[in-house]
Amino acid sequence: MKVQFRGIYTIEEFFQAFLEEREKFKELGITHIRGASLYYQPVDKFGDSVTPRYRNGEPMDGWVYKGPYRSAVDDFKL
């Protein structure tokens, strides 16, 4: 499945729109997802491209999210 968000959003606006799309999954009866890739185009408030960089100045391509934080309570069923 592919979901597209078009236009320029602040980070807060994007995550609000993303959360609103959660309802679409519920409507379709989708309860689990095996994996997902999120591709985004970072821009400034004028729509001009921005290159995120590490502290050393090297450009950042992206990262891998390893899942939500699991506490000891979850692991040990406390």
PDB file of N, CA and C in Angstrom:
ATOM      1  N   MET A   1       0.841  -1.183   0.000  1.00  0.00           N
ATOM      2  CA  MET A   1       0.000   0.000   0.000  1.00  0.00           C
ATOM      3  C   MET A   1       0.877   1.234   0.000  1.00  0.00           C
ATOM      4  N   LYS A   2       0.379   2.272  -0.589  1.00  0.00           N
ATOM      5  CA  LYS A   2       1.129   3.523  -0.642  1.00  0.00           C
ATOM      6  C   LYS A   2       0.217   4.651  -0.181  1.00  0.00           C
ATOM      7  N   VAL A   3       0.716   5.479   0.713  1.00  0.00           N
ATOM      8  CA  VAL A   3       0.001   6.666   1.178  1.00  0.00           C
ATOM      9  C   VAL A   3       0.879   7.861   0.851  1.00  0.00           C
ATOM     10  N   GLN A   4       0.315   8.866   0.216  1.00  0.00           N
ATOM     11  CA  GLN A   4       1.085  10.065  -0.125  1.00  0.00           C
ATOM     12  C   GLN A   4       0.528  11.271   0.619  1.00  0.00           C
ATOM     13  N   PHE A   5       1.426  12.092   1.104  1.00  0.00           N
ATOM     14  CA  PHE A   5       1.075  13.368   1.714  1.00  0.00           C
ATOM     15  C   PHE A   5       1.676  14.441   0.814  1.00  0.00           C
ATOM     16  N   ARG A   6       0.843  15.240   0.202  1.00  0.00           N
ATOM     17  CA  ARG A   6       1.347  16.252  -0.729  1.00  0.00           C
ATOM     18  C   ARG A   6       1.268  17.626  -0.088  1.00  0.00           C
ATOM     19  N   GLY A   7       2.172  18.487  -0.485  1.00  0.00           N
ATOM     20  CA  GLY A   7       2.194  19.840   0.047  1.00  0.00           C
ATOM     21  C   GLY A   7       3.327  20.015   1.033  1.00  0.00           C
ATOM     22  N   ILE A   8       3.415  21.194   1.603  1.00  0.00           N
ATOM     23  CA  ILE A   8       4.453  21.512   2.592  1.00  0.00           C
ATOM     24  C   ILE A   8       3.801  21.524   3.973  1.00  0.00           C
ATOM     25  N   TYR A   9       4.394  20.803   4.903  1.00  0.00           N
ATOM     26  CA  TYR A   9       3.887  20.687   6.270  1.00  0.00           C
ATOM     27  C   TYR A   9       4.986  21.062   7.258  1.00  0.00           C
ATOM     28  N   THR A  10       4.609  21.630   8.382  1.00  0.00           N
ATOM     29  CA  THR A  10       5.545  21.683   9.498  1.00  0.00           C
ATOM     30  C   THR A  10       5.621  20.262  10.044  1.00  0.00           C
ATOM     31  N   ILE A  11       6.599  19.968  10.856  1.00  0.00           N
ATOM     32  CA  ILE A  11       6.703  18.630  11.453  1.00  0.00           C
ATOM     33  C   ILE A  11       5.432  18.317  12.243  1.00  0.00           C
ATOM     34  N   GLU A  12       4.946  19.280  13.020  1.00  0.00           N
ATOM     35  CA  GLU A  12       3.733  19.068  13.815  1.00  0.00           C
ATOM     36  C   GLU A  12       2.525  18.790  12.917  1.00  0.00           C
ATOM     37  N   GLU A  13       2.373  19.540  11.828  1.00  0.00           N
ATOM     38  CA  GLU A  13       1.262  19.325  10.901  1.00  0.00           C
ATOM     39  C   GLU A  13       1.352  17.952  10.244  1.00  0.00           C
ATOM     40  N   PHE A  14       2.560  17.551   9.870  1.00  0.00           N
ATOM     41  CA  PHE A  14       2.723  16.249   9.230  1.00  0.00           C
ATOM     42  C   PHE A  14       2.303  15.129  10.176  1.00  0.00           C
ATOM     43  N   PHE A  15       2.775  15.172  11.420  1.00  0.00           N
ATOM     44  CA  PHE A  15       2.441  14.087  12.337  1.00  0.00           C
ATOM     45  C   PHE A  15       0.959  14.091  12.685  1.00  0.00           C
ATOM     46  N   GLN A  16       0.327  15.257  12.705  1.00  0.00           N
ATOM     47  CA  GLN A  16      -1.118  15.301  12.909  1.00  0.00           C
ATOM     48  C   GLN A  16      -1.827  14.637  11.728  1.00  0.00           C
ATOM     49  N   ALA A  17      -1.407  14.967  10.507  1.00  0.00           N
ATOM     50  CA  ALA A  17      -2.000  14.350   9.314  1.00  0.00           C
ATOM     51  C   ALA A  17      -1.764  12.839   9.318  1.00  0.00           C
ATOM     52  N   PHE A  18      -0.569  12.428   9.707  1.00  0.00           N
ATOM     53  CA  PHE A  18      -0.226  11.010   9.768  1.00  0.00           C
ATOM     54  C   PHE A  18      -1.136  10.281  10.756  1.00  0.00           C
ATOM     55  N   LEU A  19      -1.352  10.885  11.924  1.00  0.00           N
ATOM     56  CA  LEU A  19      -2.227  10.268  12.926  1.00  0.00           C
ATOM     57  C   LEU A  19      -3.665  10.209  12.434  1.00  0.00           C
ATOM     58  N   GLU A  20      -4.098  11.236  11.701  1.00  0.00           N
ATOM     59  CA  GLU A  20      -5.453  11.212  11.166  1.00  0.00           C
ATOM     60  C   GLU A  20      -5.625  10.066  10.162  1.00  0.00           C
ATOM     61  N   GLU A  21      -4.584   9.727   9.441  1.00  0.00           N
ATOM     62  CA  GLU A  21      -4.648   8.620   8.481  1.00  0.00           C
ATOM     63  C   GLU A  21      -4.808   7.270   9.173  1.00  0.00           C
ATOM     64  N   ARG A  22      -4.491   7.207  10.442  1.00  0.00           N
ATOM     65  CA  ARG A  22      -4.678   5.971  11.207  1.00  0.00           C
ATOM     66  C   ARG A  22      -6.129   5.497  11.115  1.00  0.00           C
ATOM     67  N   GLU A  23      -7.062   6.445  11.041  1.00  0.00           N
ATOM     68  CA  GLU A  23      -8.471   6.082  10.926  1.00  0.00           C
ATOM     69  C   GLU A  23      -8.750   5.321   9.634  1.00  0.00           C
ATOM     70  N   LYS A  24      -8.034   5.652   8.570  1.00  0.00           N
ATOM     71  CA  LYS A  24      -8.212   4.951   7.288  1.00  0.00           C
ATOM     72  C   LYS A  24      -7.838   3.473   7.447  1.00  0.00           C
ATOM     73  N   PHE A  25      -6.763   3.198   8.191  1.00  0.00           N
ATOM     74  CA  PHE A  25      -6.373   1.809   8.440  1.00  0.00           C
ATOM     75  C   PHE A  25      -7.495   1.074   9.177  1.00  0.00           C
ATOM     76  N   LYS A  26      -8.055   1.716  10.172  1.00  0.00           N
ATOM     77  CA  LYS A  26      -9.144   1.093  10.935  1.00  0.00           C
ATOM     78  C   LYS A  26     -10.342   0.817  10.041  1.00  0.00           C
ATOM     79  N   GLU A  27     -10.687   1.788   9.177  1.00  0.00           N
ATOM     80  CA  GLU A  27     -11.815   1.608   8.263  1.00  0.00           C
ATOM     81  C   GLU A  27     -11.600   0.423   7.333  1.00  0.00           C
ATOM     82  N   LEU A  28     -10.361   0.198   6.923  1.00  0.00           N
ATOM     83  CA  LEU A  28     -10.033  -0.887   6.009  1.00  0.00           C
ATOM     84  C   LEU A  28      -9.810  -2.220   6.723  1.00  0.00           C
ATOM     85  N   GLY A  29      -9.874  -2.211   8.052  1.00  0.00           N
ATOM     86  CA  GLY A  29      -9.692  -3.440   8.811  1.00  0.00           C
ATOM     87  C   GLY A  29      -8.242  -3.866   8.953  1.00  0.00           C
ATOM     88  N   ILE A  30      -7.310  -2.948   8.700  1.00  0.00           N
ATOM     89  CA  ILE A  30      -5.882  -3.265   8.819  1.00  0.00           C
ATOM     90  C   ILE A  30      -5.472  -3.093  10.277  1.00  0.00           C
ATOM     91  N   THR A  31      -4.966  -4.165  10.872  1.00  0.00           N
ATOM     92  CA  THR A  31      -4.584  -4.119  12.290  1.00  0.00           C
ATOM     93  C   THR A  31      -3.086  -4.256  12.524  1.00  0.00           C
ATOM     94  N   HIS A  32      -2.341  -4.742  11.526  1.00  0.00           N
ATOM     95  CA  HIS A  32      -0.901  -4.929  11.673  1.00  0.00           C
ATOM     96  C   HIS A  32      -0.185  -4.521  10.386  1.00  0.00           C
ATOM     97  N   ILE A  33       1.063  -4.128  10.521  1.00  0.00           N
ATOM     98  CA  ILE A  33       1.907  -3.802   9.378  1.00  0.00           C
ATOM     99  C   ILE A  33       3.246  -4.484   9.588  1.00  0.00           C
ATOM    100  N   ARG A  34       3.751  -5.156   8.578  1.00  0.00           N
ATOM    101  CA  ARG A  34       5.033  -5.851   8.697  1.00  0.00           C
ATOM    102  C   ARG A  34       6.195  -4.865   8.722  1.00  0.00           C
ATOM    103  N   GLY A  35       6.160  -3.886   7.887  1.00  0.00           N
ATOM    104  CA  GLY A  35       7.219  -2.889   7.829  1.00  0.00           C
ATOM    105  C   GLY A  35       6.739  -1.710   7.010  1.00  0.00           C
ATOM    106  N   ALA A  36       7.410  -0.619   7.134  1.00  0.00           N
ATOM    107  CA  ALA A  36       7.020   0.572   6.379  1.00  0.00           C
ATOM    108  C   ALA A  36       8.262   1.408   6.108  1.00  0.00           C
ATOM    109  N   SER A  37       8.258   2.077   4.982  1.00  0.00           N
ATOM    110  CA  SER A  37       9.330   3.011   4.648  1.00  0.00           C
ATOM    111  C   SER A  37       8.711   4.388   4.519  1.00  0.00           C
ATOM    112  N   LEU A  38       9.329   5.352   5.130  1.00  0.00           N
ATOM    113  CA  LEU A  38       8.854   6.731   5.057  1.00  0.00           C
ATOM    114  C   LEU A  38       9.917   7.544   4.333  1.00  0.00           C
ATOM    115  N   TYR A  39       9.569   8.024   3.166  1.00  0.00           N
ATOM    116  CA  TYR A  39      10.479   8.874   2.402  1.00  0.00           C
ATOM    117  C   TYR A  39       9.949  10.291   2.493  1.00  0.00           C
ATOM    118  N   TYR A  40      10.795  11.220   2.820  1.00  0.00           N
ATOM    119  CA  TYR A  40      10.335  12.600   2.913  1.00  0.00           C
ATOM    120  C   TYR A  40      11.358  13.517   2.270  1.00  0.00           C
ATOM    121  N   GLN A  41      10.906  14.681   1.921  1.00  0.00           N
ATOM    122  CA  GLN A  41      11.766  15.682   1.299  1.00  0.00           C
ATOM    123  C   GLN A  41      11.860  16.871   2.240  1.00  0.00           C
ATOM    124  N   PRO A  42      12.952  16.985   3.012  1.00  0.00           N
ATOM    125  CA  PRO A  42      13.068  18.105   3.938  1.00  0.00           C
ATOM    126  C   PRO A  42      13.208  19.425   3.187  1.00  0.00           C
ATOM    127  N   VAL A  43      12.399  20.400   3.580  1.00  0.00           N
ATOM    128  CA  VAL A  43      12.426  21.731   2.970  1.00  0.00           C
ATOM    129  C   VAL A  43      12.338  22.789   4.060  1.00  0.00           C
ATOM    130  N   ASP A  44      12.680  24.021   3.700  1.00  0.00           N
ATOM    131  CA  ASP A  44      12.475  25.126   4.633  1.00  0.00           C
ATOM    132  C   ASP A  44      11.053  25.660   4.456  1.00  0.00           C
ATOM    133  N   LYS A  45      10.698  26.703   5.173  1.00  0.00           N
ATOM    134  CA  LYS A  45       9.327  27.206   5.126  1.00  0.00           C
ATOM    135  C   LYS A  45       8.942  27.780   3.765  1.00  0.00           C
ATOM    136  N   PHE A  46       9.913  27.979   2.890  1.00  0.00           N
ATOM    137  CA  PHE A  46       9.633  28.483   1.550  1.00  0.00           C
ATOM    138  C   PHE A  46       9.540  27.368   0.510  1.00  0.00           C
ATOM    139  N   GLY A  47       9.793  26.125   0.942  1.00  0.00           N
ATOM    140  CA  GLY A  47       9.745  24.994   0.031  1.00  0.00           C
ATOM    141  C   GLY A  47      11.073  24.672  -0.626  1.00  0.00           C
ATOM    142  N   ASP A  48      12.139  25.369  -0.206  1.00  0.00           N
ATOM    143  CA  ASP A  48      13.472  25.097  -0.760  1.00  0.00           C
ATOM    144  C   ASP A  48      14.095  23.896  -0.059  1.00  0.00           C
ATOM    145  N   SER A  49      14.753  23.033  -0.823  1.00  0.00           N
ATOM    146  CA  SER A  49      15.361  21.817  -0.271  1.00  0.00           C
ATOM    147  C   SER A  49      16.372  22.119   0.821  1.00  0.00           C
ATOM    148  N   VAL A  50      16.411  21.248   1.817  1.00  0.00           N
ATOM    149  CA  VAL A  50      17.339  21.331   2.943  1.00  0.00           C
ATOM    150  C   VAL A  50      18.026  19.978   3.059  1.00  0.00           C
ATOM    151  N   THR A  51      19.324  19.958   3.316  1.00  0.00           N
ATOM    152  CA  THR A  51      20.054  18.706   3.500  1.00  0.00           C
ATOM    153  C   THR A  51      20.385  18.529   4.979  1.00  0.00           C
ATOM    154  N   PRO A  52      19.736  17.560   5.660  1.00  0.00           N
ATOM    155  CA  PRO A  52      20.087  17.293   7.062  1.00  0.00           C
ATOM    156  C   PRO A  52      21.518  16.770   7.137  1.00  0.00           C
ATOM    157  N   ARG A  53      22.248  17.194   8.152  1.00  0.00           N
ATOM    158  CA  ARG A  53      23.645  16.795   8.287  1.00  0.00           C
ATOM    159  C   ARG A  53      23.948  16.334   9.716  1.00  0.00           C
ATOM    160  N   TYR A  54      24.906  15.411   9.802  1.00  0.00           N
ATOM    161  CA  TYR A  54      25.425  14.999  11.101  1.00  0.00           C
ATOM    162  C   TYR A  54      26.247  16.147  11.676  1.00  0.00           C
ATOM    163  N   ARG A  55      26.626  16.036  12.932  1.00  0.00           N
ATOM    164  CA  ARG A  55      27.436  17.084  13.577  1.00  0.00           C
ATOM    165  C   ARG A  55      28.753  17.341  12.869  1.00  0.00           C
ATOM    166  N   ASN A  56      29.287  16.309  12.210  1.00  0.00           N
ATOM    167  CA  ASN A  56      30.568  16.469  11.513  1.00  0.00           C
ATOM    168  C   ASN A  56      30.402  17.079  10.118  1.00  0.00           C
ATOM    169  N   GLY A  57      29.164  17.402   9.734  1.00  0.00           N
ATOM    170  CA  GLY A  57      28.927  18.036   8.450  1.00  0.00           C
ATOM    171  C   GLY A  57      28.546  17.100   7.322  1.00  0.00           C
ATOM    172  N   GLU A  58      28.690  15.791   7.551  1.00  0.00           N
ATOM    173  CA  GLU A  58      28.330  14.815   6.517  1.00  0.00           C
ATOM    174  C   GLU A  58      26.803  14.784   6.333  1.00  0.00           C
ATOM    175  N   PRO A  59      26.329  14.652   5.092  1.00  0.00           N
ATOM    176  CA  PRO A  59      24.882  14.572   4.870  1.00  0.00           C
ATOM    177  C   PRO A  59      24.297  13.283   5.453  1.00  0.00           C
ATOM    178  N   MET A  60      23.084  13.376   5.949  1.00  0.00           N
ATOM    179  CA  MET A  60      22.387  12.236   6.544  1.00  0.00           C
ATOM    180  C   MET A  60      21.380  11.703   5.531  1.00  0.00           C
ATOM    181  N   ASP A  61      21.451  10.387   5.228  1.00  0.00           N
ATOM    182  CA  ASP A  61      20.506   9.771   4.287  1.00  0.00           C
ATOM    183  C   ASP A  61      19.218   9.344   4.974  1.00  0.00           C
ATOM    184  N   GLY A  62      19.319   8.926   6.221  1.00  0.00           N
ATOM    185  CA  GLY A  62      18.160   8.410   6.937  1.00  0.00           C
ATOM    186  C   GLY A  62      18.604   7.543   8.101  1.00  0.00           C
ATOM    187  N   TRP A  63      17.672   6.817   8.660  1.00  0.00           N
ATOM    188  CA  TRP A  63      17.968   5.954   9.799  1.00  0.00           C
ATOM    189  C   TRP A  63      16.954   4.831   9.837  1.00  0.00           C
ATOM    190  N   VAL A  64      17.203   3.846  10.677  1.00  0.00           N
ATOM    191  CA  VAL A  64      16.300   2.706  10.850  1.00  0.00           C
ATOM    192  C   VAL A  64      15.719   2.785  12.253  1.00  0.00           C
ATOM    193  N   TYR A  65      14.419   2.795  12.328  1.00  0.00           N
ATOM    194  CA  TYR A  65      13.717   2.804  13.615  1.00  0.00           C
ATOM    195  C   TYR A  65      13.623   1.376  14.111  1.00  0.00           C
ATOM    196  N   LYS A  66      14.025   1.131  15.337  1.00  0.00           N
ATOM    197  CA  LYS A  66      14.096  -0.236  15.856  1.00  0.00           C
ATOM    198  C   LYS A  66      12.883  -0.621  16.694  1.00  0.00           C
ATOM    199  N   GLY A  67      11.846   0.178  16.644  1.00  0.00           N
ATOM    200  CA  GLY A  67      10.623  -0.153  17.365  1.00  0.00           C
ATOM    201  C   GLY A  67      10.469   0.645  18.631  1.00  0.00           C
ATOM    202  N   PRO A  68       9.287   0.594  19.215  1.00  0.00           N
ATOM    203  CA  PRO A  68       9.024   1.367  20.435  1.00  0.00           C
ATOM    204  C   PRO A  68       9.843   0.859  21.623  1.00  0.00           C
ATOM    205  N   TYR A  69      10.067   1.736  22.565  1.00  0.00           N
ATOM    206  CA  TYR A  69      10.794   1.390  23.788  1.00  0.00           C
ATOM    207  C   TYR A  69      10.046   0.302  24.528  1.00  0.00           C
ATOM    208  N   ARG A  70      10.749  -0.726  24.919  1.00  0.00           N
ATOM    209  CA  ARG A  70      10.156  -1.792  25.723  1.00  0.00           C
ATOM    210  C   ARG A  70      10.762  -1.736  27.116  1.00  0.00           C
ATOM    211  N   SER A  71       9.926  -1.627  28.100  1.00  0.00           N
ATOM    212  CA  SER A  71      10.412  -1.561  29.472  1.00  0.00           C
ATOM    213  C   SER A  71      10.559  -2.968  30.047  1.00  0.00           C
ATOM    214  N   ALA A  72      11.198  -3.052  31.192  1.00  0.00           N
ATOM    215  CA  ALA A  72      11.358  -4.338  31.875  1.00  0.00           C
ATOM    216  C   ALA A  72       9.989  -4.917  32.226  1.00  0.00           C
ATOM    217  N   VAL A  73       9.033  -4.057  32.487  1.00  0.00           N
ATOM    218  CA  VAL A  73       7.679  -4.519  32.798  1.00  0.00           C
ATOM    219  C   VAL A  73       7.132  -5.337  31.619  1.00  0.00           C
ATOM    220  N   ASP A  74       7.363  -4.862  30.389  1.00  0.00           N
ATOM    221  CA  ASP A  74       6.912  -5.600  29.221  1.00  0.00           C
ATOM    222  C   ASP A  74       7.661  -6.912  29.066  1.00  0.00           C
ATOM    223  N   ASP A  75       8.989  -6.847  29.204  1.00  0.00           N
ATOM    224  CA  ASP A  75       9.820  -8.039  28.995  1.00  0.00           C
ATOM    225  C   ASP A  75       9.574  -9.133  30.019  1.00  0.00           C
ATOM    226  N   PHE A  76       9.369  -8.746  31.271  1.00  0.00           N
ATOM    227  CA  PHE A  76       9.228  -9.728  32.344  1.00  0.00           C
ATOM    228  C   PHE A  76       7.774  -9.922  32.789  1.00  0.00           C
ATOM    229  N   LYS A  77       6.845  -9.311  32.056  1.00  0.00           N
ATOM    230  CA  LYS A  77       5.412  -9.426  32.358  1.00  0.00           C
ATOM    231  C   LYS A  77       5.106  -9.087  33.813  1.00  0.00           C
ATOM    232  N   LEU A  78       5.707  -8.001  34.291  1.00  0.00           N
ATOM    233  CA  LEU A  78       5.494  -7.576  35.684  1.00  0.00           C
ATOM    234  C   LEU A  78       4.230  -6.766  35.835  1.00  0.00           C
TER     235      LEU A  78
END
